[in-house]
N, C-alpha and C. Protein backbone atom coordinates (compact mmCIF):
# COMPACT_ATOMS: atom_id res chain seq x y z
N MET A 1 0.86 -1.21 0.03
CA MET A 1 0.02 -0.05 0.00
C MET A 1 0.85 1.22 0.05
N PRO A 2 0.74 2.11 -1.01
CA PRO A 2 1.55 3.23 -1.14
C PRO A 2 1.21 4.28 0.02
N ALA A 3 2.26 5.05 0.41
CA ALA A 3 2.10 6.05 1.52
C ALA A 3 1.32 7.25 0.88
N GLU A 4 0.49 7.82 1.73
CA GLU A 4 -0.26 9.11 1.23
C GLU A 4 0.78 10.21 1.21
N PRO A 5 0.60 11.04 0.16
CA PRO A 5 1.53 12.19 -0.04
C PRO A 5 1.62 13.11 1.21
N THR A 6 0.46 13.32 1.84
CA THR A 6 0.49 14.17 3.06
C THR A 6 1.27 13.42 4.21
N ALA A 7 1.18 12.19 4.33
CA ALA A 7 1.93 11.40 5.32
C ALA A 7 3.51 11.56 5.10
N VAL A 8 3.79 11.44 3.76
CA VAL A 8 5.23 11.58 3.42
C VAL A 8 5.75 12.97 3.74
N GLU A 9 5.02 14.07 3.32
CA GLU A 9 5.40 15.42 3.58
C GLU A 9 5.52 15.60 5.20
N ASN A 10 4.53 15.12 5.87
CA ASN A 10 4.63 15.40 7.33
C ASN A 10 5.76 14.64 7.99
N THR A 11 6.04 13.48 7.53
CA THR A 11 7.24 12.74 8.03
C THR A 11 8.55 13.52 7.66
N ILE A 12 8.66 14.06 6.53
CA ILE A 12 9.85 14.74 6.13
C ILE A 12 10.00 16.01 7.12
N LEU A 13 8.92 16.73 7.24
CA LEU A 13 8.92 18.00 8.07
C LEU A 13 9.28 17.65 9.54
N ARG A 14 8.70 16.58 10.02
CA ARG A 14 8.91 16.11 11.50
C ARG A 14 10.39 15.74 11.64
N LEU A 15 10.96 14.98 10.73
CA LEU A 15 12.36 14.45 10.83
C LEU A 15 13.31 15.72 10.77
N ILE A 16 13.03 16.66 9.89
CA ILE A 16 13.85 17.81 9.76
C ILE A 16 13.82 18.66 11.02
N ALA A 17 12.53 18.76 11.57
CA ALA A 17 12.39 19.60 12.77
C ALA A 17 13.19 18.92 13.97
N GLU A 18 13.07 17.57 13.96
CA GLU A 18 13.83 16.85 15.02
C GLU A 18 15.36 16.95 14.82
N ALA A 19 15.81 17.06 13.65
CA ALA A 19 17.18 17.07 13.40
C ALA A 19 17.85 18.49 13.90
N GLY A 20 16.97 19.45 13.78
CA GLY A 20 17.38 20.80 14.37
C GLY A 20 18.00 21.72 13.26
N ALA A 21 18.06 22.95 13.65
CA ALA A 21 18.65 23.96 12.68
C ALA A 21 20.07 23.63 12.33
N GLY A 22 20.32 23.82 10.99
CA GLY A 22 21.64 23.59 10.49
C GLY A 22 21.98 22.13 10.18
N ARG A 23 20.95 21.35 10.44
CA ARG A 23 21.23 19.84 10.15
C ARG A 23 20.28 19.42 9.02
N THR A 24 20.70 18.36 8.35
CA THR A 24 19.85 17.82 7.25
C THR A 24 19.60 16.37 7.56
N ILE A 25 18.66 15.88 6.77
CA ILE A 25 18.23 14.41 6.81
C ILE A 25 18.43 13.82 5.48
N SER A 26 18.68 12.54 5.41
CA SER A 26 18.74 11.77 4.19
C SER A 26 17.25 11.40 3.81
N PRO A 27 16.93 11.39 2.52
CA PRO A 27 15.61 10.95 2.07
C PRO A 27 15.29 9.50 2.56
N THR A 28 16.43 8.70 2.73
CA THR A 28 16.23 7.32 3.20
C THR A 28 15.64 7.31 4.62
N GLU A 29 16.02 8.26 5.33
CA GLU A 29 15.50 8.35 6.71
C GLU A 29 13.95 8.52 6.71
N ALA A 30 13.45 9.31 5.84
CA ALA A 30 12.01 9.54 5.79
C ALA A 30 11.34 8.13 5.22
N ALA A 31 11.96 7.57 4.29
CA ALA A 31 11.36 6.32 3.73
C ALA A 31 11.33 5.24 4.86
N ARG A 32 12.47 5.13 5.54
CA ARG A 32 12.49 4.15 6.62
C ARG A 32 11.52 4.46 7.78
N ALA A 33 11.29 5.74 8.07
CA ALA A 33 10.35 6.11 9.11
C ALA A 33 8.92 5.72 8.70
N LEU A 34 8.67 5.79 7.44
CA LEU A 34 7.37 5.39 6.98
C LEU A 34 7.11 3.95 6.77
N LYS A 35 8.16 3.27 6.44
CA LYS A 35 8.07 1.78 6.20
C LYS A 35 9.35 1.10 6.81
N PRO A 36 9.43 0.91 8.11
CA PRO A 36 10.67 0.50 8.63
C PRO A 36 11.10 -0.94 8.37
N ASP A 37 10.39 -1.69 7.58
CA ASP A 37 10.85 -3.05 7.18
C ASP A 37 11.87 -2.96 6.00
N THR A 38 12.07 -4.05 5.45
CA THR A 38 12.97 -4.15 4.26
C THR A 38 12.43 -3.57 2.97
N GLU A 39 11.18 -3.17 2.95
CA GLU A 39 10.61 -2.58 1.77
C GLU A 39 10.58 -1.07 1.66
N TRP A 40 11.36 -0.43 2.51
CA TRP A 40 11.37 1.04 2.54
C TRP A 40 11.77 1.67 1.14
N HIS A 41 12.60 0.99 0.42
CA HIS A 41 13.13 1.44 -0.85
C HIS A 41 12.02 1.87 -1.81
N VAL A 42 10.79 1.21 -1.73
CA VAL A 42 9.75 1.46 -2.67
C VAL A 42 9.18 2.84 -2.42
N LEU A 43 9.47 3.52 -1.24
CA LEU A 43 8.99 4.84 -0.93
C LEU A 43 9.96 5.94 -1.44
N MET A 44 11.06 5.66 -1.99
CA MET A 44 12.01 6.70 -2.39
C MET A 44 11.39 7.55 -3.43
N PRO A 45 10.64 7.12 -4.47
CA PRO A 45 10.13 8.04 -5.43
C PRO A 45 9.03 8.92 -4.74
N PRO A 46 8.16 8.45 -3.86
CA PRO A 46 7.18 9.38 -3.19
C PRO A 46 7.94 10.44 -2.32
N VAL A 47 8.98 9.99 -1.74
CA VAL A 47 9.72 10.91 -0.82
C VAL A 47 10.31 11.97 -1.61
N ARG A 48 10.95 11.67 -2.82
CA ARG A 48 11.50 12.68 -3.65
C ARG A 48 10.39 13.64 -4.15
N ARG A 49 9.31 13.10 -4.58
CA ARG A 49 8.19 14.04 -5.00
C ARG A 49 7.76 14.98 -3.92
N ALA A 50 7.62 14.39 -2.66
CA ALA A 50 7.19 15.24 -1.63
C ALA A 50 8.26 16.37 -1.21
N ALA A 51 9.46 15.92 -1.35
CA ALA A 51 10.62 16.92 -1.04
C ALA A 51 10.61 18.05 -2.10
N VAL A 52 10.44 17.68 -3.38
CA VAL A 52 10.39 18.68 -4.35
C VAL A 52 9.12 19.62 -4.08
N LYS A 53 7.94 19.10 -3.87
CA LYS A 53 6.83 19.88 -3.50
C LYS A 53 7.07 20.81 -2.37
N LEU A 54 7.71 20.30 -1.27
CA LEU A 54 7.93 21.12 -0.11
C LEU A 54 9.06 22.14 -0.39
N ALA A 55 9.98 21.83 -1.19
CA ALA A 55 11.11 22.80 -1.53
C ALA A 55 10.46 23.90 -2.40
N LEU A 56 9.61 23.56 -3.34
CA LEU A 56 9.05 24.61 -4.19
C LEU A 56 8.09 25.53 -3.37
N ALA A 57 7.56 25.03 -2.35
CA ALA A 57 6.65 25.86 -1.41
C ALA A 57 7.59 26.66 -0.54
N GLY A 58 8.80 26.43 -0.32
CA GLY A 58 9.67 27.17 0.51
C GLY A 58 9.73 26.66 1.91
N SER A 59 9.17 25.46 2.18
CA SER A 59 9.16 24.90 3.51
C SER A 59 10.50 24.20 3.87
N ILE A 60 11.18 23.58 2.83
CA ILE A 60 12.44 22.95 3.12
C ILE A 60 13.39 23.34 1.90
N VAL A 61 14.70 22.91 2.05
CA VAL A 61 15.59 23.10 0.96
C VAL A 61 16.25 21.80 0.55
N ILE A 62 16.44 21.51 -0.65
CA ILE A 62 17.17 20.31 -1.13
C ILE A 62 18.60 20.62 -1.29
N TYR A 63 19.39 19.95 -0.64
CA TYR A 63 20.85 20.18 -0.68
C TYR A 63 21.61 19.06 -1.38
N ARG A 64 22.58 19.43 -2.18
CA ARG A 64 23.56 18.45 -2.78
C ARG A 64 24.91 19.01 -2.53
N LYS A 65 25.78 18.13 -1.95
CA LYS A 65 27.09 18.50 -1.59
C LYS A 65 27.07 19.78 -0.70
N GLY A 66 26.05 19.87 0.11
CA GLY A 66 26.07 21.05 1.11
C GLY A 66 25.58 22.33 0.50
N LYS A 67 25.15 22.36 -0.73
CA LYS A 67 24.65 23.55 -1.40
C LYS A 67 23.15 23.35 -1.80
N PRO A 68 22.36 24.42 -1.74
CA PRO A 68 21.00 24.33 -2.17
C PRO A 68 21.01 24.00 -3.68
N VAL A 69 19.98 23.26 -4.12
CA VAL A 69 19.87 22.96 -5.57
C VAL A 69 18.44 23.32 -5.92
N ASP A 70 18.31 23.47 -7.31
CA ASP A 70 17.02 23.74 -7.90
C ASP A 70 16.14 22.49 -7.78
N PRO A 71 14.98 22.57 -7.04
CA PRO A 71 14.14 21.42 -6.85
C PRO A 71 13.65 20.80 -8.14
N ASN A 72 13.66 21.50 -9.21
CA ASN A 72 13.17 21.01 -10.52
C ASN A 72 14.28 20.33 -11.29
N ASP A 73 15.51 20.52 -10.85
CA ASP A 73 16.60 20.03 -11.76
C ASP A 73 17.82 19.53 -10.78
N PHE A 74 17.71 18.44 -10.25
CA PHE A 74 18.85 17.89 -9.51
C PHE A 74 18.99 16.43 -9.61
N LYS A 75 20.19 15.91 -9.57
CA LYS A 75 20.47 14.48 -9.71
C LYS A 75 21.36 14.00 -8.56
N GLY A 76 21.40 12.76 -8.28
CA GLY A 76 22.37 12.14 -7.46
C GLY A 76 21.91 12.15 -6.01
N VAL A 77 22.86 12.07 -5.09
CA VAL A 77 22.52 12.03 -3.68
C VAL A 77 22.21 13.38 -3.20
N TYR A 78 21.16 13.51 -2.35
CA TYR A 78 20.73 14.81 -1.85
C TYR A 78 20.30 14.57 -0.45
N ARG A 79 20.14 15.74 0.21
CA ARG A 79 19.77 15.81 1.61
C ARG A 79 18.68 16.83 1.84
N LEU A 80 17.92 16.79 2.81
CA LEU A 80 16.82 17.76 3.04
C LEU A 80 17.05 18.44 4.38
N GLY A 81 16.74 19.75 4.31
CA GLY A 81 16.87 20.54 5.52
C GLY A 81 16.07 21.79 5.49
N LEU A 82 16.21 22.61 6.51
CA LEU A 82 15.49 23.85 6.64
C LEU A 82 16.43 24.96 5.87
N PRO A 83 15.81 26.06 5.38
CA PRO A 83 16.62 27.03 4.78
C PRO A 83 17.69 27.56 5.73
N ARG A 84 18.90 27.80 5.25
CA ARG A 84 19.96 28.33 6.06
C ARG A 84 20.03 29.81 5.87
N HIS A 85 20.25 30.52 6.96
CA HIS A 85 20.41 31.99 6.92
C HIS A 85 21.79 32.36 7.34
N ASP A 86 22.80 31.92 6.44
CA ASP A 86 24.20 32.29 6.76
C ASP A 86 24.48 33.67 6.35
C-alpha cells in the first residue's frame, strides 16, 4: 500500500524539525520512518516528489554537496533541511 503524499510530507517535516537547525536528513530516513521493514526503498520516489513539492513551497531546501539545488533539476545523492540563513 503506497504512502499518502500528506503522510510523506509530514514525516519529512517532522524529521527535519527533530534534526534541528543547520542539520539535514537523508531521504532514506524519511522512507524508513514510513516503512521500517525491508521494503522502505519502494517509498523513495514518493519521498523525492514530496521533497520537491515542499522545496517549491519554500518549506524545506534540497541540498546536494552542502549547497541548495533547484528542486526542478537535481540528480544524485541529496539531503533535506531547513533554509539556512548564513
